Amino acid sequence: MSEIGFKEFLRTLEGYKSKFRELHWNAKLMSDHKLCDQIMSTIIEHQDEIAEEGFTIFGKFNFSEFQPICNCYANNTKEALEELEVLIIDLKAAINSDLQLCSISAILDVFLHDIRKYIYLNTLK
């Protein structure tokens, strides 16, 4: 993983937070509304952990450099979660062989677990 790839991932997570905010606002069920809140909190938590760990390796963003990448076109929570799951799996595969990034890989393991939990919870309506 390069510095550019690392920063792009963080910017993409910012876009997913916006997508889940949109889904939260447009929820027709209270369960969807609350689930999107939980998902956003989880993204914030893991994004922060990944950023803090990655900044020790790649350096911080320059001011005004952190602009969200909004490439999530899902129209519902299930689709957005599945897209996010693939994003995490792809990043994990890309960094798996780099021992310098093992701590980021460990954070991604927990993040992936949480996203899969939300995929399951989304079925309980």
N, C-alpha and C. Protein backbone atom coordinates (compact mmCIF):
# COMPACT_ATOMS: atom_id res chain seq x y z
N MET A 1 0.85 -1.17 0.00
CA MET A 1 0.00 0.00 0.00
C MET A 1 0.89 1.23 0.00
N SER A 2 0.52 2.18 -0.77
CA SER A 2 1.26 3.43 -0.84
C SER A 2 0.58 4.49 0.02
N GLU A 3 1.26 5.59 0.20
CA GLU A 3 0.67 6.73 0.93
C GLU A 3 -0.61 7.17 0.24
N ILE A 4 -0.59 7.20 -1.09
CA ILE A 4 -1.77 7.62 -1.84
C ILE A 4 -2.93 6.66 -1.60
N GLY A 5 -2.66 5.35 -1.65
CA GLY A 5 -3.70 4.36 -1.41
C GLY A 5 -4.27 4.44 -0.01
N PHE A 6 -3.39 4.67 0.97
CA PHE A 6 -3.82 4.81 2.35
C PHE A 6 -4.76 6.01 2.52
N LYS A 7 -4.34 7.14 1.99
CA LYS A 7 -5.15 8.36 2.13
C LYS A 7 -6.44 8.25 1.34
N GLU A 8 -6.39 7.58 0.18
CA GLU A 8 -7.61 7.39 -0.61
C GLU A 8 -8.62 6.52 0.16
N PHE A 9 -8.14 5.51 0.85
CA PHE A 9 -9.04 4.66 1.65
C PHE A 9 -9.73 5.49 2.73
N LEU A 10 -8.98 6.33 3.44
CA LEU A 10 -9.59 7.17 4.48
C LEU A 10 -10.61 8.14 3.89
N ARG A 11 -10.29 8.69 2.73
CA ARG A 11 -11.21 9.61 2.06
C ARG A 11 -12.47 8.87 1.59
N THR A 12 -12.30 7.62 1.16
CA THR A 12 -13.44 6.82 0.73
C THR A 12 -14.34 6.48 1.92
N LEU A 13 -13.73 6.18 3.07
CA LEU A 13 -14.54 5.94 4.27
C LEU A 13 -15.36 7.17 4.63
N GLU A 14 -14.80 8.34 4.41
CA GLU A 14 -15.55 9.58 4.65
C GLU A 14 -16.78 9.64 3.75
N GLY A 15 -16.63 9.20 2.51
CA GLY A 15 -17.77 9.13 1.60
C GLY A 15 -18.82 8.14 2.06
N TYR A 16 -18.38 7.02 2.62
CA TYR A 16 -19.34 6.05 3.15
C TYR A 16 -20.08 6.60 4.36
N LYS A 17 -19.43 7.38 5.17
CA LYS A 17 -20.14 8.01 6.29
C LYS A 17 -21.27 8.88 5.75
N SER A 18 -21.00 9.61 4.69
CA SER A 18 -22.04 10.45 4.07
C SER A 18 -23.17 9.59 3.51
N LYS A 19 -22.82 8.47 2.89
CA LYS A 19 -23.86 7.58 2.34
C LYS A 19 -24.76 7.05 3.45
N PHE A 20 -24.15 6.61 4.56
CA PHE A 20 -24.98 6.09 5.65
C PHE A 20 -25.77 7.20 6.33
N ARG A 21 -25.29 8.43 6.31
CA ARG A 21 -26.07 9.57 6.82
C ARG A 21 -27.29 9.76 5.94
N GLU A 22 -27.10 9.68 4.62
CA GLU A 22 -28.21 9.81 3.68
C GLU A 22 -29.23 8.69 3.90
N LEU A 23 -28.75 7.45 4.06
CA LEU A 23 -29.65 6.33 4.31
C LEU A 23 -30.37 6.49 5.65
N HIS A 24 -29.69 7.02 6.64
CA HIS A 24 -30.26 7.30 7.96
C HIS A 24 -31.42 8.28 7.82
N TRP A 25 -31.20 9.35 7.10
CA TRP A 25 -32.23 10.37 6.93
C TRP A 25 -33.42 9.88 6.13
N ASN A 26 -33.19 8.91 5.25
CA ASN A 26 -34.27 8.42 4.38
C ASN A 26 -34.86 7.09 4.85
N ALA A 27 -34.48 6.64 6.03
CA ALA A 27 -34.98 5.36 6.54
C ALA A 27 -36.49 5.41 6.74
N LYS A 28 -37.12 4.31 6.38
CA LYS A 28 -38.58 4.20 6.58
C LYS A 28 -38.92 3.46 7.86
N LEU A 29 -37.94 2.74 8.40
CA LEU A 29 -38.14 1.99 9.64
C LEU A 29 -37.19 2.52 10.72
N MET A 30 -37.64 2.53 11.94
CA MET A 30 -36.79 2.97 13.05
C MET A 30 -35.56 2.07 13.17
N SER A 31 -35.74 0.78 12.89
CA SER A 31 -34.60 -0.13 12.98
C SER A 31 -33.51 0.24 11.97
N ASP A 32 -33.89 0.64 10.76
CA ASP A 32 -32.91 1.09 9.76
C ASP A 32 -32.24 2.39 10.20
N HIS A 33 -33.05 3.27 10.73
CA HIS A 33 -32.56 4.57 11.22
C HIS A 33 -31.47 4.36 12.28
N LYS A 34 -31.75 3.51 13.24
CA LYS A 34 -30.80 3.25 14.33
C LYS A 34 -29.59 2.46 13.84
N LEU A 35 -29.80 1.51 12.94
CA LEU A 35 -28.69 0.73 12.41
C LEU A 35 -27.70 1.63 11.67
N CYS A 36 -28.21 2.55 10.89
CA CYS A 36 -27.31 3.47 10.17
C CYS A 36 -26.51 4.33 11.15
N ASP A 37 -27.12 4.73 12.26
CA ASP A 37 -26.39 5.45 13.32
C ASP A 37 -25.23 4.60 13.84
N GLN A 38 -25.50 3.34 14.12
CA GLN A 38 -24.47 2.44 14.64
C GLN A 38 -23.35 2.24 13.61
N ILE A 39 -23.73 2.10 12.35
CA ILE A 39 -22.74 1.91 11.29
C ILE A 39 -21.84 3.13 11.18
N MET A 40 -22.44 4.32 11.19
CA MET A 40 -21.64 5.54 11.11
C MET A 40 -20.66 5.63 12.28
N SER A 41 -21.10 5.30 13.47
CA SER A 41 -20.21 5.32 14.64
C SER A 41 -19.06 4.35 14.47
N THR A 42 -19.36 3.18 13.93
CA THR A 42 -18.33 2.17 13.71
C THR A 42 -17.33 2.65 12.67
N ILE A 43 -17.81 3.24 11.59
CA ILE A 43 -16.90 3.76 10.56
C ILE A 43 -16.00 4.83 11.17
N ILE A 44 -16.56 5.73 11.95
CA ILE A 44 -15.77 6.79 12.58
C ILE A 44 -14.69 6.19 13.47
N GLU A 45 -15.07 5.23 14.28
CA GLU A 45 -14.12 4.60 15.20
C GLU A 45 -12.96 3.94 14.45
N HIS A 46 -13.28 3.13 13.46
CA HIS A 46 -12.23 2.40 12.74
C HIS A 46 -11.43 3.33 11.82
N GLN A 47 -12.09 4.30 11.22
CA GLN A 47 -11.39 5.26 10.39
C GLN A 47 -10.34 6.00 11.22
N ASP A 48 -10.70 6.38 12.42
CA ASP A 48 -9.77 7.08 13.29
C ASP A 48 -8.59 6.19 13.70
N GLU A 49 -8.88 4.94 14.04
CA GLU A 49 -7.81 4.01 14.41
C GLU A 49 -6.85 3.76 13.24
N ILE A 50 -7.41 3.57 12.05
CA ILE A 50 -6.59 3.35 10.87
C ILE A 50 -5.76 4.59 10.56
N ALA A 51 -6.39 5.76 10.65
CA ALA A 51 -5.67 7.01 10.38
C ALA A 51 -4.50 7.20 11.34
N GLU A 52 -4.77 7.05 12.62
CA GLU A 52 -3.71 7.28 13.61
C GLU A 52 -2.55 6.30 13.42
N GLU A 53 -2.87 5.06 13.11
CA GLU A 53 -1.82 4.07 12.88
C GLU A 53 -1.07 4.38 11.58
N GLY A 54 -1.81 4.69 10.54
CA GLY A 54 -1.20 4.96 9.24
C GLY A 54 -0.38 6.24 9.20
N PHE A 55 -0.78 7.22 9.99
CA PHE A 55 -0.02 8.48 10.00
C PHE A 55 1.41 8.26 10.49
N THR A 56 1.61 7.25 11.33
CA THR A 56 2.97 6.97 11.80
C THR A 56 3.84 6.42 10.68
N ILE A 57 3.21 5.86 9.65
CA ILE A 57 3.94 5.27 8.52
C ILE A 57 3.97 6.21 7.32
N PHE A 58 2.81 6.78 6.98
CA PHE A 58 2.67 7.55 5.75
C PHE A 58 2.67 9.06 5.95
N GLY A 59 2.50 9.51 7.17
CA GLY A 59 2.38 10.95 7.41
C GLY A 59 0.93 11.39 7.37
N LYS A 60 0.70 12.57 7.89
CA LYS A 60 -0.66 13.11 7.98
C LYS A 60 -1.08 13.77 6.67
N PHE A 61 -2.37 14.06 6.59
CA PHE A 61 -2.90 14.85 5.49
C PHE A 61 -2.42 16.29 5.64
N ASN A 62 -2.21 16.96 4.53
CA ASN A 62 -1.99 18.39 4.57
C ASN A 62 -3.35 19.06 4.74
N PHE A 63 -3.36 20.28 5.24
CA PHE A 63 -4.63 20.99 5.39
C PHE A 63 -5.31 21.12 4.03
N SER A 64 -6.61 20.90 4.02
CA SER A 64 -7.47 20.95 2.83
C SER A 64 -7.25 19.78 1.87
N GLU A 65 -6.39 18.83 2.21
CA GLU A 65 -6.15 17.66 1.37
C GLU A 65 -7.22 16.59 1.58
N PHE A 66 -7.85 16.58 2.74
CA PHE A 66 -8.80 15.52 3.10
C PHE A 66 -10.18 15.86 2.55
N GLN A 67 -10.44 15.40 1.35
CA GLN A 67 -11.74 15.59 0.70
C GLN A 67 -12.39 14.23 0.51
N PRO A 68 -13.65 14.07 0.92
CA PRO A 68 -14.31 12.76 0.78
C PRO A 68 -14.36 12.29 -0.67
N ILE A 69 -14.26 10.98 -0.82
CA ILE A 69 -14.49 10.34 -2.12
C ILE A 69 -15.84 9.64 -2.00
N CYS A 70 -16.81 10.12 -2.73
CA CYS A 70 -18.16 9.56 -2.65
C CYS A 70 -18.42 8.68 -3.87
N ASN A 71 -17.99 7.43 -3.76
CA ASN A 71 -18.21 6.50 -4.87
C ASN A 71 -19.09 5.33 -4.45
N CYS A 72 -19.95 5.56 -3.49
CA CYS A 72 -20.92 4.56 -3.05
C CYS A 72 -22.27 4.95 -3.65
N TYR A 73 -22.78 4.10 -4.52
CA TYR A 73 -24.02 4.42 -5.22
C TYR A 73 -25.18 3.55 -4.77
N ALA A 74 -25.01 2.89 -3.64
CA ALA A 74 -26.06 2.02 -3.10
C ALA A 74 -27.30 2.82 -2.77
N ASN A 75 -28.44 2.16 -2.93
CA ASN A 75 -29.71 2.80 -2.61
C ASN A 75 -30.33 2.27 -1.33
N ASN A 76 -29.62 1.36 -0.67
CA ASN A 76 -30.14 0.84 0.59
C ASN A 76 -28.98 0.39 1.47
N THR A 77 -29.29 0.14 2.72
CA THR A 77 -28.27 -0.20 3.71
C THR A 77 -27.55 -1.49 3.34
N LYS A 78 -28.28 -2.49 2.88
CA LYS A 78 -27.67 -3.78 2.53
C LYS A 78 -26.61 -3.60 1.45
N GLU A 79 -26.95 -2.91 0.38
CA GLU A 79 -26.00 -2.70 -0.71
C GLU A 79 -24.78 -1.89 -0.26
N ALA A 80 -25.01 -0.87 0.53
CA ALA A 80 -23.90 -0.04 1.01
C ALA A 80 -22.96 -0.85 1.90
N LEU A 81 -23.53 -1.68 2.77
CA LEU A 81 -22.71 -2.54 3.63
C LEU A 81 -21.89 -3.53 2.80
N GLU A 82 -22.52 -4.11 1.79
CA GLU A 82 -21.81 -5.08 0.95
C GLU A 82 -20.68 -4.40 0.16
N GLU A 83 -20.90 -3.18 -0.30
CA GLU A 83 -19.83 -2.43 -0.98
C GLU A 83 -18.68 -2.15 -0.02
N LEU A 84 -19.02 -1.74 1.19
CA LEU A 84 -18.00 -1.44 2.19
C LEU A 84 -17.23 -2.70 2.57
N GLU A 85 -17.92 -3.82 2.66
CA GLU A 85 -17.27 -5.10 2.95
C GLU A 85 -16.20 -5.41 1.89
N VAL A 86 -16.54 -5.25 0.63
CA VAL A 86 -15.60 -5.51 -0.47
C VAL A 86 -14.42 -4.54 -0.39
N LEU A 87 -14.67 -3.29 -0.10
CA LEU A 87 -13.60 -2.29 0.03
C LEU A 87 -12.59 -2.72 1.10
N ILE A 88 -13.09 -3.15 2.25
CA ILE A 88 -12.21 -3.57 3.35
C ILE A 88 -11.43 -4.83 2.96
N ILE A 89 -12.11 -5.80 2.36
CA ILE A 89 -11.45 -7.04 1.94
C ILE A 89 -10.35 -6.74 0.92
N ASP A 90 -10.63 -5.87 -0.03
CA ASP A 90 -9.63 -5.52 -1.04
C ASP A 90 -8.42 -4.85 -0.41
N LEU A 91 -8.63 -3.95 0.53
CA LEU A 91 -7.50 -3.29 1.19
C LEU A 91 -6.70 -4.30 2.00
N LYS A 92 -7.40 -5.17 2.71
CA LYS A 92 -6.72 -6.18 3.52
C LYS A 92 -5.85 -7.08 2.63
N ALA A 93 -6.37 -7.48 1.49
CA ALA A 93 -5.59 -8.30 0.56
C ALA A 93 -4.36 -7.55 0.04
N ALA A 94 -4.52 -6.25 -0.17
CA ALA A 94 -3.42 -5.45 -0.71
C ALA A 94 -2.29 -5.26 0.30
N ILE A 95 -2.60 -5.27 1.59
CA ILE A 95 -1.57 -5.00 2.60
C ILE A 95 -1.11 -6.24 3.36
N ASN A 96 -1.74 -7.36 3.11
CA ASN A 96 -1.50 -8.56 3.90
C ASN A 96 -0.04 -8.99 3.98
N SER A 97 0.73 -8.78 2.92
CA SER A 97 2.11 -9.27 2.92
C SER A 97 3.11 -8.25 3.47
N ASP A 98 2.65 -7.05 3.81
CA ASP A 98 3.55 -6.01 4.31
C ASP A 98 3.52 -5.99 5.84
N LEU A 99 4.56 -6.53 6.46
CA LEU A 99 4.59 -6.63 7.92
C LEU A 99 4.53 -5.27 8.61
N GLN A 100 5.00 -4.23 7.93
CA GLN A 100 4.93 -2.88 8.51
C GLN A 100 3.48 -2.46 8.72
N LEU A 101 2.56 -3.05 7.98
CA LEU A 101 1.15 -2.67 8.05
C LEU A 101 0.30 -3.68 8.83
N CYS A 102 0.94 -4.57 9.58
CA CYS A 102 0.19 -5.61 10.29
C CYS A 102 -0.80 -5.04 11.29
N SER A 103 -0.49 -3.91 11.91
CA SER A 103 -1.42 -3.32 12.87
C SER A 103 -2.66 -2.76 12.16
N ILE A 104 -2.47 -2.20 10.96
CA ILE A 104 -3.62 -1.74 10.18
C ILE A 104 -4.44 -2.95 9.74
N SER A 105 -3.77 -4.03 9.36
CA SER A 105 -4.46 -5.25 8.99
C SER A 105 -5.32 -5.78 10.14
N ALA A 106 -4.80 -5.70 11.36
CA ALA A 106 -5.56 -6.15 12.53
C ALA A 106 -6.81 -5.29 12.75
N ILE A 107 -6.67 -3.98 12.56
CA ILE A 107 -7.83 -3.09 12.69
C ILE A 107 -8.87 -3.44 11.62
N LEU A 108 -8.40 -3.73 10.41
CA LEU A 108 -9.32 -4.10 9.32
C LEU A 108 -10.06 -5.39 9.63
N ASP A 109 -9.41 -6.33 10.34
CA ASP A 109 -10.09 -7.57 10.74
C ASP A 109 -11.30 -7.26 11.61
N VAL A 110 -11.13 -6.40 12.59
CA VAL A 110 -12.23 -6.04 13.48
C VAL A 110 -13.29 -5.25 12.73
N PHE A 111 -12.85 -4.34 11.87
CA PHE A 111 -13.77 -3.55 11.05
C PHE A 111 -14.62 -4.47 10.19
N LEU A 112 -14.00 -5.44 9.54
CA LEU A 112 -14.72 -6.39 8.70
C LEU A 112 -15.72 -7.19 9.52
N HIS A 113 -15.31 -7.62 10.71
CA HIS A 113 -16.22 -8.33 11.61
C HIS A 113 -17.45 -7.47 11.91
N ASP A 114 -17.21 -6.21 12.23
CA ASP A 114 -18.34 -5.31 12.55
C ASP A 114 -19.27 -5.13 11.35
N ILE A 115 -18.71 -4.95 10.16
CA ILE A 115 -19.54 -4.76 8.97
C ILE A 115 -20.36 -6.02 8.69
N ARG A 116 -19.76 -7.18 8.85
CA ARG A 116 -20.51 -8.43 8.64
C ARG A 116 -21.61 -8.59 9.69
N LYS A 117 -21.35 -8.14 10.90
CA LYS A 117 -22.39 -8.16 11.94
C LYS A 117 -23.57 -7.29 11.51
N TYR A 118 -23.28 -6.10 10.95
CA TYR A 118 -24.35 -5.21 10.50
C TYR A 118 -25.09 -5.78 9.29
N ILE A 119 -24.37 -6.50 8.44
CA ILE A 119 -25.05 -7.15 7.31
C ILE A 119 -26.07 -8.15 7.85
N TYR A 120 -25.69 -8.90 8.86
CA TYR A 120 -26.62 -9.85 9.49
C TYR A 120 -27.77 -9.11 10.17
N LEU A 121 -27.44 -8.10 10.98
CA LEU A 121 -28.49 -7.37 11.70
C LEU A 121 -29.48 -6.71 10.74
N ASN A 122 -29.02 -6.33 9.58
CA ASN A 122 -29.89 -5.72 8.60
C ASN A 122 -30.96 -6.68 8.10
N THR A 123 -30.74 -7.99 8.26
CA THR A 123 -31.73 -8.97 7.83
C THR A 123 -32.84 -9.16 8.86
N LEU A 124 -32.64 -8.66 10.07
CA LEU A 124 -33.60 -8.87 11.16
C LEU A 124 -34.59 -7.72 11.25
N LYS A 125 -35.47 -7.65 10.31
CA LYS A 125 -36.45 -6.56 10.28
C LYS A 125 -37.84 -7.08 10.54
